[in-house]
């Protein structure tokens, strides 16, 4: 009995020491089975309190591939969301654009809902949670893939990887949000910030239509600082749109009519202004590209003309001073002498 108590006491001390280490700024080792339950750092708790939030408040995540930014937003007592912290994405695979099929080594883009069932406390990485790919939109296009995670260990094969320190804090923030009664953490994944200037820079990219679809969700959050509800109909993302009876939309079916919500007027004004900037930027980019192409063509033509002049001058000078190309040498032809050639000597007389 004494031995059993001693073991339990020793185990309790290890737990207390490990949790204390986490609270003071360190993280538990990867070998610890308790790493998924480690406490948030005291500095993190203080920062949440100072911004008018708490660990149990709702949470939203935004990722931007191009700049390797992983943003965590928290709901405040005012009801709107504030940026808590921006982490650096350590690595992701692929290029800008959505994931299409299993094995393309592409990290996904779009809107995803992280739920408690997607958390992986026993990850082979430090910690991880699944993005939820493929979602309703992805499935509408027959896109395939599995185990697309946000994880530690700073390496990626279609996932978004973070440092172990970053994923430890992010994982704990998501966990505490669920503990506070929030059923999902919305994750918005973009190729870049959805500004008209940035979209114009990629106006010829085959994904431009998809990105412009994502922009409405981006704009709604920028205007309201509240995550928009998202769904899929007509094989596109729609935001803050529901049937009158509240039933889910059908991904490939027609969208129901939209009644103007509280954001609609502001959203339309923003989209009109952004569209004007987008068109101006696209025209300016096209003009610059046309000028650059014309300059390259003019340079190539000038080089060709200079070469032609040089060749012509070389031929002229060579001909003038005999330095041109010599005429091909004629091969002499032997003409037989008259009479059929050299005379044959007469044989010597016999007996001499």
Protein backbone atom coordinates (compact mmCIF):
# COMPACT_ATOMS: atom_id res chain seq x y z
CA UNK A 1 0.00 0.00 0.00
CA UNK A 2 2.84 2.35 0.92
CA UNK A 3 4.57 1.52 -2.36
CA UNK A 4 1.37 2.21 -4.34
CA UNK A 5 0.83 5.52 -2.57
CA UNK A 6 4.43 6.47 -3.22
CA UNK A 7 4.04 5.76 -6.92
CA UNK A 8 0.84 7.75 -7.16
CA UNK A 9 2.43 10.64 -5.30
CA UNK A 10 5.42 10.54 -7.60
CA UNK A 11 3.20 10.54 -10.68
CA UNK A 12 1.22 13.47 -9.28
CA UNK A 13 4.43 15.39 -8.72
CA UNK A 14 5.49 14.78 -12.32
CA UNK A 15 2.13 16.07 -13.55
CA UNK A 16 2.33 19.16 -11.36
CA UNK A 17 5.90 19.87 -12.39
CA UNK A 18 5.11 19.42 -16.07
CA UNK A 19 2.05 21.65 -15.94
CA UNK A 20 4.05 24.25 -14.02
CA UNK A 21 6.74 24.12 -16.70
CA UNK A 22 4.14 24.75 -19.38
CA UNK A 23 2.62 27.65 -17.43
CA UNK A 24 6.01 29.29 -16.97
CA UNK A 25 6.84 29.37 -20.67
CA UNK A 26 8.10 25.92 -21.60
CA UNK A 27 6.19 23.13 -23.29
CA UNK A 28 5.94 19.49 -22.40
CA UNK A 29 8.22 17.08 -24.25
CA UNK A 30 6.82 15.21 -27.21
CA UNK A 31 7.13 11.99 -25.22
CA UNK A 32 4.63 13.23 -22.62
CA UNK A 33 1.13 11.79 -22.85
CA UNK A 34 -0.14 14.96 -21.18
CA UNK A 35 1.00 17.40 -23.84
CA UNK A 36 -2.55 17.81 -25.23
CA UNK A 37 -3.83 18.97 -21.82
CA UNK A 38 -1.04 21.36 -20.87
CA UNK A 39 -2.14 24.73 -19.56
CA UNK A 40 -1.95 27.98 -21.44
CA UNK A 41 0.99 30.17 -20.43
CA UNK A 42 0.36 32.89 -17.89
CA UNK A 43 1.39 35.50 -20.47
CA UNK A 44 -1.26 34.14 -22.85
CA UNK A 45 -3.94 34.35 -20.18
CA UNK A 46 -2.94 37.93 -19.37
CA UNK A 47 -3.05 38.93 -23.05
CA UNK A 48 -6.51 37.43 -23.47
CA UNK A 49 -7.77 39.28 -20.41
CA UNK A 50 -6.26 42.58 -21.55
CA UNK A 51 -8.04 42.34 -24.92
CA UNK A 52 -11.38 41.64 -23.27
CA UNK A 53 -11.48 37.91 -23.95
CA UNK A 54 -10.84 34.61 -22.16
CA UNK A 55 -9.80 31.05 -23.06
CA UNK A 56 -13.42 29.86 -23.23
CA UNK A 57 -14.54 32.54 -25.67
CA UNK A 58 -15.18 31.64 -29.32
CA UNK A 59 -12.24 31.60 -31.70
CA UNK A 60 -11.55 31.92 -35.43
CA UNK A 61 -8.45 31.14 -37.52
CA UNK A 62 -7.24 32.74 -40.74
CA UNK A 63 -4.32 31.51 -42.85
CA UNK A 64 -2.53 33.31 -45.67
CA UNK A 65 -0.26 31.11 -47.74
CA UNK A 66 1.72 33.77 -49.55
CA UNK A 67 2.93 35.49 -46.38
CA UNK A 68 3.02 32.36 -44.14
CA UNK A 69 0.65 33.97 -41.63
CA UNK A 70 -1.53 32.02 -39.20
CA UNK A 71 -3.91 34.34 -37.35
CA UNK A 72 -5.88 33.51 -34.20
CA UNK A 73 -8.88 35.74 -33.52
CA UNK A 74 -10.86 35.68 -30.26
CA UNK A 75 -14.33 36.93 -29.48
CA UNK A 76 -14.38 39.70 -26.91
CA UNK A 77 -16.96 40.75 -24.34
CA UNK A 78 -18.15 43.32 -26.90
CA UNK A 79 -19.25 40.43 -29.14
CA UNK A 80 -16.85 41.16 -31.99
CA UNK A 81 -13.53 39.43 -32.70
CA UNK A 82 -10.05 40.84 -32.19
CA UNK A 83 -6.74 39.55 -33.46
CA UNK A 84 -5.06 37.73 -30.61
CA UNK A 85 -1.82 36.67 -32.29
CA UNK A 86 -0.17 35.99 -35.66
CA UNK A 87 2.04 32.91 -35.85
CA UNK A 88 4.41 32.08 -38.68
CA UNK A 89 3.50 29.04 -40.75
CA UNK A 90 6.67 27.00 -40.62
CA UNK A 91 6.00 25.10 -43.85
CA UNK A 92 3.26 24.13 -46.27
CA UNK A 93 3.52 22.19 -49.49
CA UNK A 94 2.38 23.07 -52.98
CA UNK A 95 1.65 26.48 -54.47
CA UNK A 96 -1.13 29.06 -54.31
CA UNK A 97 -4.44 27.40 -55.14
CA UNK A 98 -6.78 24.76 -53.70
CA UNK A 99 -6.12 21.08 -53.17
CA UNK A 100 -7.60 18.99 -55.99
CA UNK A 101 -6.74 15.33 -55.45
CA UNK A 102 -5.02 12.89 -53.16
CA UNK A 103 -1.27 12.93 -53.68
CA UNK A 104 -0.98 16.34 -55.35
CA UNK A 105 0.93 17.57 -52.27
CA UNK A 106 -1.20 20.70 -52.25
CA UNK A 107 -2.41 22.40 -49.07
CA UNK A 108 -6.13 23.27 -49.11
CA UNK A 109 -7.82 26.66 -49.39
CA UNK A 110 -11.38 27.59 -48.44
CA UNK A 111 -13.65 27.62 -45.38
CA UNK A 112 -13.47 24.78 -42.86
CA UNK A 113 -15.05 24.04 -39.48
CA UNK A 114 -12.79 22.53 -36.83
CA UNK A 115 -14.79 20.37 -34.42
CA UNK A 116 -13.71 18.45 -31.29
CA UNK A 117 -13.61 15.20 -33.26
CA UNK A 118 -10.89 16.61 -35.53
CA UNK A 119 -8.46 17.16 -32.64
CA UNK A 120 -5.64 14.62 -32.42
CA UNK A 121 -4.01 14.56 -28.96
CA UNK A 122 -1.97 11.47 -29.87
CA UNK A 123 -0.49 12.80 -33.08
CA UNK A 124 2.75 11.36 -34.41
CA UNK A 125 3.70 15.03 -34.71
CA UNK A 126 3.84 17.10 -31.53
CA UNK A 127 0.10 17.83 -31.70
CA UNK A 128 -2.33 18.24 -34.57
CA UNK A 129 -5.88 18.84 -35.70
CA UNK A 130 -7.51 18.01 -39.02
CA UNK A 131 -8.61 20.83 -41.33
CA UNK A 132 -11.75 18.93 -42.29
CA UNK A 133 -10.78 18.58 -45.95
CA UNK A 134 -12.66 17.68 -48.09
CA UNK A 135 -15.53 19.91 -47.02
CA UNK A 136 -18.93 20.32 -48.70
CA UNK A 137 -17.47 22.56 -51.42
CA UNK A 138 -14.57 20.19 -52.13
CA UNK A 139 -16.87 17.18 -52.36
CA UNK A 140 -19.11 19.02 -54.85
CA UNK A 141 -16.11 19.04 -57.21
CA UNK A 142 -15.02 15.49 -56.46
CA UNK A 143 -11.84 16.59 -54.77
CA UNK A 144 -10.00 13.97 -52.77
CA UNK A 145 -7.50 13.91 -49.95
CA UNK A 146 -7.21 12.83 -46.35
CA UNK A 147 -5.44 13.74 -43.13
CA UNK A 148 -4.81 17.35 -44.15
CA UNK A 149 -3.63 18.66 -40.81
CA UNK A 150 -2.32 21.63 -38.90
CA UNK A 151 0.53 20.10 -36.91
CA UNK A 152 3.94 20.58 -35.33
CA UNK A 153 7.38 19.33 -36.32
CA UNK A 154 7.86 22.00 -39.01
CA UNK A 155 7.50 19.75 -42.09
CA UNK A 156 4.68 19.39 -44.60
CA UNK A 157 3.29 17.05 -47.26
CA UNK A 158 0.02 18.80 -48.02
CA UNK A 159 -0.48 20.12 -44.47
CA UNK A 160 0.22 23.33 -42.59
CA UNK A 161 3.03 22.82 -40.11
CA UNK A 162 4.01 24.98 -37.18
CA UNK A 163 6.78 24.91 -34.63
CA UNK A 164 6.03 22.69 -31.65
CA UNK A 165 5.77 25.77 -29.40
CA UNK A 166 3.22 27.37 -31.73
CA UNK A 167 1.04 24.27 -32.16
CA UNK A 168 1.09 23.69 -28.38
CA UNK A 169 -0.46 27.12 -27.80
CA UNK A 170 -2.85 26.98 -30.78
CA UNK A 171 -4.04 23.50 -29.81
CA UNK A 172 -4.68 24.65 -26.23
CA UNK A 173 -6.59 27.73 -27.44
CA UNK A 174 -8.83 25.58 -29.66
CA UNK A 175 -9.33 23.06 -26.85
CA UNK A 176 -10.34 25.79 -24.38
CA UNK A 177 -12.73 27.31 -26.91
CA UNK A 178 -14.52 23.96 -27.14
CA UNK A 179 -14.50 23.69 -23.35
CA UNK A 180 -16.26 27.07 -23.24
CA UNK A 181 -19.23 25.59 -25.12
CA UNK A 182 -18.36 26.62 -28.66
CA UNK A 183 -19.08 23.75 -31.08
CA UNK A 184 -16.73 24.82 -33.90
CA UNK A 185 -13.70 26.95 -34.66
CA UNK A 186 -13.99 28.40 -38.15
CA UNK A 187 -10.81 28.28 -40.22
CA UNK A 188 -10.50 30.47 -43.31
CA UNK A 189 -7.60 29.60 -45.63
CA UNK A 190 -6.61 32.09 -48.34
CA UNK A 191 -3.79 32.25 -50.89
CA UNK A 192 -3.16 35.88 -49.90
CA UNK A 193 -5.06 38.84 -48.46
CA UNK A 194 -8.13 39.35 -50.62
CA UNK A 195 -7.42 42.91 -51.72
CA UNK A 196 -8.32 44.08 -55.24
CA UNK A 197 -4.67 44.87 -55.92
CA UNK A 198 -3.51 41.38 -54.99
CA UNK A 199 -6.31 39.72 -56.96
CA UNK A 200 -5.47 41.87 -59.99
CA UNK A 201 -1.89 40.60 -59.83
CA UNK A 202 -3.30 37.09 -60.36
CA UNK A 203 -6.11 37.98 -62.77
CA UNK A 204 -4.88 35.45 -65.35
CA UNK A 205 -4.51 32.62 -62.82
CA UNK A 206 -6.97 29.74 -63.46
CA UNK A 207 -8.07 29.98 -59.80
CA UNK A 208 -9.16 33.63 -60.01
CA UNK A 209 -12.89 32.78 -60.03
CA UNK A 210 -12.48 30.57 -56.94
CA UNK A 211 -10.54 33.29 -55.13
CA UNK A 212 -13.13 35.93 -55.99
CA UNK A 213 -15.73 33.61 -54.47
CA UNK A 214 -13.69 33.41 -51.24
CA UNK A 215 -13.43 37.20 -51.18
CA UNK A 216 -17.05 37.66 -50.13
CA UNK A 217 -16.43 35.71 -46.92
CA UNK A 218 -13.22 37.68 -46.38
CA UNK A 219 -15.03 40.99 -46.90
CA UNK A 220 -17.86 40.06 -44.56
CA UNK A 221 -15.40 39.39 -41.76
CA UNK A 222 -13.44 42.56 -42.48
CA UNK A 223 -16.63 44.62 -42.24
CA UNK A 224 -18.29 43.01 -39.24
CA UNK A 225 -15.37 41.34 -37.40
CA UNK A 226 -17.66 38.35 -37.01
CA UNK A 227 -17.08 34.99 -38.75
CA UNK A 228 -19.72 34.58 -41.48
CA UNK A 229 -21.73 31.39 -41.59
CA UNK A 230 -20.91 29.54 -44.78
CA UNK A 231 -22.59 26.93 -46.92
CA UNK A 232 -22.50 25.71 -50.53
CA UNK A 233 -25.06 25.91 -53.34
CA UNK A 234 -24.65 26.14 -57.12
CA UNK A 235 -21.20 24.65 -56.38
CA UNK A 236 -19.95 27.88 -54.82
CA UNK A 237 -19.45 29.22 -51.32
CA UNK A 238 -22.28 31.37 -50.01
CA UNK A 239 -22.24 33.34 -46.79
CA UNK A 240 -24.94 34.17 -44.25
CA UNK A 241 -27.50 32.55 -46.55
CA UNK A 242 -30.07 30.07 -45.26
CA UNK A 243 -33.38 28.56 -46.24
CA UNK A 244 -36.41 29.90 -44.45
CA UNK A 245 -36.84 26.60 -42.63
CA UNK A 246 -33.16 26.55 -41.66
CA UNK A 247 -32.40 23.33 -43.55
CA UNK A 248 -28.94 22.88 -45.13
CA UNK A 249 -28.39 23.95 -48.73
CA UNK A 250 -27.71 21.43 -51.47
CA UNK A 251 -24.23 21.85 -52.91
CA UNK A 252 -25.18 21.51 -56.58
CA UNK A 253 -28.73 22.89 -56.38
CA UNK A 254 -29.90 26.44 -57.01
CA UNK A 255 -29.34 28.90 -54.19
CA UNK A 256 -32.39 30.23 -52.36
CA UNK A 257 -33.22 33.92 -52.77
CA UNK A 258 -31.28 36.24 -50.52
CA UNK A 259 -32.96 38.76 -48.30
CA UNK A 260 -30.82 41.77 -47.55
CA UNK A 261 -28.98 41.16 -44.31
CA UNK A 262 -27.46 43.81 -42.09
CA UNK A 263 -24.19 43.73 -44.02
CA UNK A 264 -25.63 43.73 -47.51
CA UNK A 265 -25.55 47.46 -48.22
CA UNK A 266 -22.04 47.93 -46.82
CA UNK A 267 -20.85 44.78 -48.61
CA UNK A 268 -22.22 45.92 -51.98
CA UNK A 269 -20.56 49.31 -51.59
CA UNK A 270 -17.22 47.69 -50.73
CA UNK A 271 -17.45 45.23 -53.60
CA UNK A 272 -18.27 48.01 -56.08
CA UNK A 273 -15.30 50.07 -54.91
CA UNK A 274 -13.00 47.04 -54.96
CA UNK A 275 -14.21 46.04 -58.42
CA UNK A 276 -13.33 49.48 -59.77
CA UNK A 277 -9.84 49.23 -58.27
CA UNK A 278 -9.47 45.68 -59.62
CA UNK A 279 -10.34 46.73 -63.18
CA UNK A 280 -7.99 49.71 -63.02
CA UNK A 281 -5.15 47.51 -61.72
CA UNK A 282 -5.75 44.83 -64.35
CA UNK A 283 -5.70 47.49 -67.10
CA UNK A 284 -2.49 48.97 -65.70
CA UNK A 285 -0.85 45.54 -65.48
CA UNK A 286 -1.91 44.72 -69.05
CA UNK A 287 -0.51 48.04 -70.25
CA UNK A 288 2.82 47.45 -68.50
CA UNK A 289 3.05 43.93 -69.86
CA UNK A 290 2.28 45.17 -73.40
CA UNK A 291 4.96 47.85 -73.11
CA UNK A 292 7.46 45.36 -71.75
CA UNK A 293 6.67 42.92 -74.55
CA UNK A 294 7.04 45.69 -77.13
CA UNK A 295 10.38 46.73 -75.61
CA UNK A 296 11.63 43.14 -75.69
CA UNK A 297 10.51 42.77 -79.30
CA UNK A 298 12.14 46.07 -80.28
CA UNK A 299 15.38 45.03 -78.61
CA UNK A 300 15.35 41.69 -80.41
CA UNK A 301 14.69 43.39 -83.75
CA UNK A 302 17.48 45.93 -83.13
CA UNK A 303 19.94 43.12 -82.38
CA UNK A 304 18.89 41.25 -85.52
CA UNK A 305 19.27 44.39 -87.64
CA UNK A 306 22.71 45.14 -86.17
CA UNK A 307 23.84 41.61 -86.92
CA UNK A 308 22.59 41.88 -90.49
CA UNK A 309 24.44 45.17 -90.99
CA UNK A 310 27.63 43.66 -89.56
CA UNK A 311 27.40 40.66 -91.86
CA UNK A 312 26.82 42.88 -94.89
CA UNK A 313 29.76 45.17 -94.05
CA UNK A 314 32.06 42.16 -93.55
CA UNK A 315 31.18 40.77 -96.94
CA UNK A 316 31.70 44.18 -98.60
CA UNK A 317 35.14 44.77 -97.05
CA UNK A 318 36.22 41.21 -97.75
CA UNK A 319 35.29 41.52 -101.39
CA UNK A 320 36.99 44.92 -101.74
CA UNK A 321 40.38 43.79 -100.42
CA UNK A 322 40.32 40.18 -101.50
CA UNK A 323 39.59 39.02 -98.12
CA UNK A 324 36.28 37.60 -99.03
CA UNK A 325 35.56 34.01 -99.43
CA UNK A 326 37.87 32.57 -102.17
CA UNK A 327 36.31 30.95 -105.16
CA UNK A 328 36.26 27.20 -104.94
CA UNK A 329 39.52 25.72 -106.34
CA UNK A 330 39.09 23.86 -109.61
CA UNK A 331 40.36 20.32 -109.73
CA UNK A 332 42.81 20.06 -112.71
CA UNK A 333 41.74 17.65 -115.43
CA UNK A 334 44.48 15.63 -117.25
CA UNK A 335 44.15 15.61 -121.02
CA UNK A 336 45.76 12.65 -122.80
CA UNK A 337 48.53 13.52 -125.34
CA UNK A 338 47.74 13.15 -129.04
CA UNK A 339 48.57 9.72 -130.45
CA UNK A 340 47.28 7.84 -127.55
CA UNK A 341 49.97 8.66 -124.99
CA UNK A 342 53.70 7.92 -124.50
CA UNK A 343 55.31 5.47 -127.07
CA UNK A 344 56.03 1.96 -125.91
CA UNK A 345 59.79 1.02 -126.31
CA UNK A 346 60.56 -1.61 -128.99
CA UNK A 347 61.84 -4.90 -127.68
CA UNK A 348 65.62 -5.42 -127.83
CA UNK A 349 66.94 -7.53 -130.85
CA UNK A 350 67.50 -11.21 -130.02
CA UNK A 351 71.05 -12.48 -129.81
CA UNK A 352 72.65 -9.17 -128.85
